[in-house]
Amino acid sequence: MEMERADLYFCEGNSNKEYHAVVEKQGELYVVNCSWGRRGATLQTGCKTQEPVPFEQAKAIFDKLIKEKTAKGYSPGETGTPYQQTANEERATGVLPQL
């Protein structure tokens, strides 16, 4: 049973990646599972909790993970546009166009 879920995307230059994280109930406790990789390819999977933990602890791990990914430019929209709909939306990338 899923308790929390986030689907994040990153698309910039040749990079077109996706990242999924979910808090799932396992018995009376919870685990944080994730999958990542290039869109259209087989995704790698992993578990961010070594063993089932209480919901509050799983939620904290999940929130930290999502915060880290959005700080790197991942966004919830499938377009994966860097910094849109994140706290870094107004951040300058340092890339300036030359005419």
N, C-alpha and C. Protein backbone atom coordinates (compact mmCIF):
# COMPACT_ATOMS: atom_id res chain seq x y z
N MET A 1 0.84 -1.18 0.00
CA MET A 1 0.00 0.00 0.00
C MET A 1 0.89 1.25 0.00
N GLU A 2 0.70 2.12 -0.98
CA GLU A 2 1.47 3.36 -1.08
C GLU A 2 0.93 4.41 -0.13
N MET A 3 1.84 5.10 0.56
CA MET A 3 1.44 6.17 1.46
C MET A 3 1.83 7.53 0.89
N GLU A 4 2.98 7.61 0.26
CA GLU A 4 3.50 8.83 -0.37
C GLU A 4 4.14 8.41 -1.68
N ARG A 5 4.04 9.28 -2.71
CA ARG A 5 4.66 8.96 -4.00
C ARG A 5 5.09 10.25 -4.67
N ALA A 6 6.24 10.21 -5.34
CA ALA A 6 6.72 11.35 -6.12
C ALA A 6 7.31 10.81 -7.42
N ASP A 7 6.94 11.45 -8.53
CA ASP A 7 7.48 11.13 -9.84
C ASP A 7 8.17 12.39 -10.35
N LEU A 8 9.49 12.33 -10.52
CA LEU A 8 10.27 13.49 -10.92
C LEU A 8 10.97 13.22 -12.24
N TYR A 9 11.19 14.29 -13.00
CA TYR A 9 11.79 14.17 -14.33
C TYR A 9 12.86 15.23 -14.52
N PHE A 10 13.85 14.92 -15.34
CA PHE A 10 14.91 15.86 -15.66
C PHE A 10 15.23 15.73 -17.14
N CYS A 11 15.12 16.85 -17.85
CA CYS A 11 15.39 16.85 -19.28
C CYS A 11 16.18 18.11 -19.61
N GLU A 12 17.45 17.92 -19.96
CA GLU A 12 18.31 19.04 -20.31
C GLU A 12 19.43 18.52 -21.20
N GLY A 13 19.62 19.15 -22.35
CA GLY A 13 20.65 18.68 -23.28
C GLY A 13 20.33 17.26 -23.72
N ASN A 14 21.30 16.36 -23.60
CA ASN A 14 21.10 14.95 -23.96
C ASN A 14 20.52 14.13 -22.81
N SER A 15 20.37 14.75 -21.66
CA SER A 15 19.90 14.04 -20.48
C SER A 15 18.37 14.04 -20.44
N ASN A 16 17.79 12.86 -20.30
CA ASN A 16 16.33 12.71 -20.22
C ASN A 16 16.07 11.59 -19.22
N LYS A 17 15.97 11.96 -17.93
CA LYS A 17 15.90 10.97 -16.86
C LYS A 17 14.60 11.07 -16.07
N GLU A 18 14.31 10.01 -15.36
CA GLU A 18 13.16 10.00 -14.47
C GLU A 18 13.57 9.40 -13.14
N TYR A 19 12.85 9.79 -12.08
CA TYR A 19 13.13 9.31 -10.73
C TYR A 19 11.79 9.14 -10.02
N HIS A 20 11.56 8.00 -9.44
CA HIS A 20 10.31 7.72 -8.73
C HIS A 20 10.63 7.26 -7.32
N ALA A 21 9.91 7.79 -6.36
CA ALA A 21 10.10 7.38 -4.96
C ALA A 21 8.73 7.14 -4.35
N VAL A 22 8.66 6.16 -3.47
CA VAL A 22 7.39 5.82 -2.84
C VAL A 22 7.62 5.29 -1.43
N VAL A 23 6.72 5.68 -0.51
CA VAL A 23 6.71 5.13 0.84
C VAL A 23 5.64 4.03 0.83
N GLU A 24 6.04 2.81 1.14
CA GLU A 24 5.12 1.68 1.11
C GLU A 24 5.06 0.99 2.47
N LYS A 25 3.87 0.54 2.81
CA LYS A 25 3.69 -0.17 4.06
C LYS A 25 4.20 -1.59 3.90
N GLN A 26 4.94 -2.05 4.89
CA GLN A 26 5.44 -3.42 4.90
C GLN A 26 5.18 -3.97 6.30
N GLY A 27 4.14 -4.74 6.42
CA GLY A 27 3.70 -5.20 7.74
C GLY A 27 3.14 -4.01 8.51
N GLU A 28 3.66 -3.77 9.69
CA GLU A 28 3.24 -2.63 10.51
C GLU A 28 4.12 -1.41 10.30
N LEU A 29 5.23 -1.57 9.55
CA LEU A 29 6.19 -0.49 9.34
C LEU A 29 6.23 -0.09 7.87
N TYR A 30 7.21 0.76 7.50
CA TYR A 30 7.25 1.33 6.15
C TYR A 30 8.66 1.28 5.57
N VAL A 31 8.72 1.25 4.23
CA VAL A 31 10.00 1.30 3.51
C VAL A 31 9.90 2.40 2.45
N VAL A 32 11.05 2.93 2.04
CA VAL A 32 11.12 3.93 0.98
C VAL A 32 11.82 3.28 -0.21
N ASN A 33 11.06 3.02 -1.27
CA ASN A 33 11.60 2.41 -2.48
C ASN A 33 11.74 3.46 -3.56
N CYS A 34 12.69 3.27 -4.47
CA CYS A 34 12.88 4.22 -5.55
C CYS A 34 13.31 3.50 -6.82
N SER A 35 13.12 4.17 -7.94
CA SER A 35 13.59 3.68 -9.24
C SER A 35 14.05 4.89 -10.04
N TRP A 36 15.05 4.69 -10.90
CA TRP A 36 15.62 5.80 -11.64
C TRP A 36 16.27 5.30 -12.93
N GLY A 37 16.46 6.24 -13.85
CA GLY A 37 17.17 5.91 -15.08
C GLY A 37 16.70 6.77 -16.23
N ARG A 38 17.20 6.43 -17.44
CA ARG A 38 16.81 7.16 -18.64
C ARG A 38 15.37 6.79 -19.00
N ARG A 39 14.63 7.77 -19.49
CA ARG A 39 13.26 7.49 -19.93
C ARG A 39 13.27 6.50 -21.07
N GLY A 40 12.37 5.55 -21.01
CA GLY A 40 12.25 4.54 -22.05
C GLY A 40 13.14 3.33 -21.84
N ALA A 41 14.08 3.41 -20.90
CA ALA A 41 14.98 2.28 -20.61
C ALA A 41 14.49 1.56 -19.36
N THR A 42 15.05 0.42 -19.10
CA THR A 42 14.75 -0.30 -17.87
C THR A 42 15.32 0.48 -16.70
N LEU A 43 14.49 0.75 -15.71
CA LEU A 43 14.91 1.55 -14.57
C LEU A 43 15.62 0.68 -13.53
N GLN A 44 16.60 1.29 -12.88
CA GLN A 44 17.25 0.65 -11.74
C GLN A 44 16.36 0.86 -10.53
N THR A 45 16.43 -0.06 -9.58
CA THR A 45 15.59 0.07 -8.39
C THR A 45 16.44 -0.04 -7.14
N GLY A 46 15.92 0.52 -6.06
CA GLY A 46 16.63 0.46 -4.80
C GLY A 46 15.70 0.76 -3.64
N CYS A 47 16.18 0.52 -2.45
CA CYS A 47 15.43 0.80 -1.24
C CYS A 47 16.28 1.72 -0.37
N LYS A 48 15.72 2.83 0.06
CA LYS A 48 16.45 3.81 0.85
C LYS A 48 16.41 3.52 2.35
N THR A 49 15.67 2.50 2.74
CA THR A 49 15.65 2.08 4.14
C THR A 49 16.21 0.66 4.19
N GLN A 50 17.16 0.42 5.07
CA GLN A 50 17.77 -0.91 5.16
C GLN A 50 16.82 -1.94 5.74
N GLU A 51 15.88 -1.47 6.52
CA GLU A 51 14.84 -2.33 7.11
C GLU A 51 13.60 -1.48 7.31
N PRO A 52 12.43 -2.08 7.48
CA PRO A 52 11.21 -1.29 7.70
C PRO A 52 11.35 -0.40 8.94
N VAL A 53 10.80 0.82 8.83
CA VAL A 53 10.91 1.81 9.91
C VAL A 53 9.52 2.41 10.17
N PRO A 54 9.34 3.12 11.30
CA PRO A 54 8.07 3.80 11.55
C PRO A 54 7.78 4.84 10.46
N PHE A 55 6.50 5.15 10.26
CA PHE A 55 6.09 6.06 9.19
C PHE A 55 6.81 7.41 9.26
N GLU A 56 6.94 7.99 10.44
CA GLU A 56 7.56 9.30 10.58
C GLU A 56 9.00 9.28 10.07
N GLN A 57 9.71 8.22 10.33
CA GLN A 57 11.09 8.09 9.88
C GLN A 57 11.13 7.89 8.36
N ALA A 58 10.23 7.06 7.84
CA ALA A 58 10.17 6.83 6.39
C ALA A 58 9.80 8.13 5.66
N LYS A 59 8.88 8.89 6.21
CA LYS A 59 8.46 10.16 5.61
C LYS A 59 9.61 11.15 5.59
N ALA A 60 10.41 11.19 6.65
CA ALA A 60 11.57 12.09 6.71
C ALA A 60 12.60 11.70 5.65
N ILE A 61 12.85 10.42 5.47
CA ILE A 61 13.78 9.95 4.44
C ILE A 61 13.25 10.31 3.06
N PHE A 62 11.97 10.09 2.83
CA PHE A 62 11.32 10.41 1.56
C PHE A 62 11.43 11.91 1.26
N ASP A 63 11.08 12.75 2.24
CA ASP A 63 11.13 14.20 2.04
C ASP A 63 12.55 14.69 1.73
N LYS A 64 13.54 14.15 2.43
CA LYS A 64 14.93 14.53 2.19
C LYS A 64 15.36 14.13 0.77
N LEU A 65 14.96 12.96 0.34
CA LEU A 65 15.28 12.46 -0.98
C LEU A 65 14.68 13.35 -2.07
N ILE A 66 13.43 13.72 -1.92
CA ILE A 66 12.76 14.58 -2.91
C ILE A 66 13.39 15.97 -2.92
N LYS A 67 13.74 16.49 -1.76
CA LYS A 67 14.40 17.79 -1.67
C LYS A 67 15.74 17.77 -2.41
N GLU A 68 16.51 16.69 -2.23
CA GLU A 68 17.80 16.56 -2.91
C GLU A 68 17.62 16.52 -4.42
N LYS A 69 16.65 15.77 -4.89
CA LYS A 69 16.43 15.63 -6.34
C LYS A 69 15.95 16.94 -6.96
N THR A 70 15.05 17.65 -6.30
CA THR A 70 14.56 18.92 -6.86
C THR A 70 15.68 19.96 -6.83
N ALA A 71 16.58 19.89 -5.86
CA ALA A 71 17.71 20.82 -5.82
C ALA A 71 18.65 20.58 -7.00
N LYS A 72 18.68 19.34 -7.51
CA LYS A 72 19.51 19.02 -8.66
C LYS A 72 18.83 19.33 -9.99
N GLY A 73 17.60 19.85 -9.94
CA GLY A 73 16.91 20.24 -11.16
C GLY A 73 15.78 19.34 -11.59
N TYR A 74 15.53 18.26 -10.89
CA TYR A 74 14.38 17.41 -11.21
C TYR A 74 13.10 18.17 -10.89
N SER A 75 12.06 17.93 -11.67
CA SER A 75 10.78 18.59 -11.41
C SER A 75 9.64 17.59 -11.57
N PRO A 76 8.49 17.89 -10.97
CA PRO A 76 7.38 16.95 -11.02
C PRO A 76 6.73 16.82 -12.41
N GLY A 77 6.85 17.82 -13.25
CA GLY A 77 6.23 17.76 -14.57
C GLY A 77 6.98 16.84 -15.50
N GLU A 78 6.28 16.13 -16.37
CA GLU A 78 6.93 15.19 -17.28
C GLU A 78 7.84 15.86 -18.29
N THR A 79 7.76 17.19 -18.43
CA THR A 79 8.67 17.87 -19.34
C THR A 79 10.07 17.91 -18.76
N GLY A 80 10.17 17.85 -17.43
CA GLY A 80 11.47 17.81 -16.77
C GLY A 80 12.28 19.07 -16.92
N THR A 81 11.62 20.21 -17.15
CA THR A 81 12.33 21.46 -17.32
C THR A 81 13.02 21.84 -16.02
N PRO A 82 14.33 22.06 -16.05
CA PRO A 82 15.06 22.36 -14.83
C PRO A 82 14.53 23.60 -14.12
N TYR A 83 14.42 23.50 -12.84
CA TYR A 83 14.07 24.59 -11.94
C TYR A 83 12.62 25.05 -12.01
N GLN A 84 11.82 24.61 -12.96
CA GLN A 84 10.42 25.01 -12.96
C GLN A 84 9.69 24.29 -11.84
N GLN A 85 8.78 24.99 -11.20
CA GLN A 85 7.94 24.45 -10.14
C GLN A 85 8.75 23.94 -8.96
N THR A 86 9.92 24.54 -8.72
CA THR A 86 10.74 24.18 -7.57
C THR A 86 11.17 25.45 -6.84
N ALA A 87 11.79 25.28 -5.72
CA ALA A 87 12.29 26.43 -4.96
C ALA A 87 13.38 27.17 -5.74
N ASN A 88 14.00 26.52 -6.73
CA ASN A 88 15.08 27.13 -7.51
C ASN A 88 14.58 27.81 -8.78
N GLU A 89 13.29 28.00 -8.90
CA GLU A 89 12.68 28.51 -10.11
C GLU A 89 13.31 29.83 -10.57
N GLU A 90 13.66 30.69 -9.65
CA GLU A 90 14.23 31.99 -9.99
C GLU A 90 15.76 31.98 -10.04
N ARG A 91 16.36 30.87 -9.78
CA ARG A 91 17.81 30.75 -9.73
C ARG A 91 18.43 30.88 -11.11
N ALA A 92 19.51 31.64 -11.20
CA ALA A 92 20.23 31.78 -12.46
C ALA A 92 21.09 30.54 -12.66
N THR A 93 21.09 29.99 -13.86
CA THR A 93 21.86 28.79 -14.13
C THR A 93 23.31 29.10 -14.40
N GLY A 94 23.62 30.36 -14.72
CA GLY A 94 24.99 30.72 -15.05
C GLY A 94 25.27 30.61 -16.54
N VAL A 95 24.33 30.08 -17.29
CA VAL A 95 24.47 29.96 -18.73
C VAL A 95 23.87 31.20 -19.36
N LEU A 96 24.70 31.96 -20.07
CA LEU A 96 24.21 33.18 -20.70
C LEU A 96 24.31 33.04 -22.23
N PRO A 97 23.25 33.43 -22.94
CA PRO A 97 23.30 33.30 -24.40
C PRO A 97 24.27 34.31 -25.00
N GLN A 98 24.92 33.91 -26.06
CA GLN A 98 25.82 34.82 -26.78
C GLN A 98 25.24 35.06 -28.17
N LEU A 99 25.26 36.29 -28.58
CA LEU A 99 24.74 36.63 -29.90
C LEU A 99 25.84 36.87 -30.88
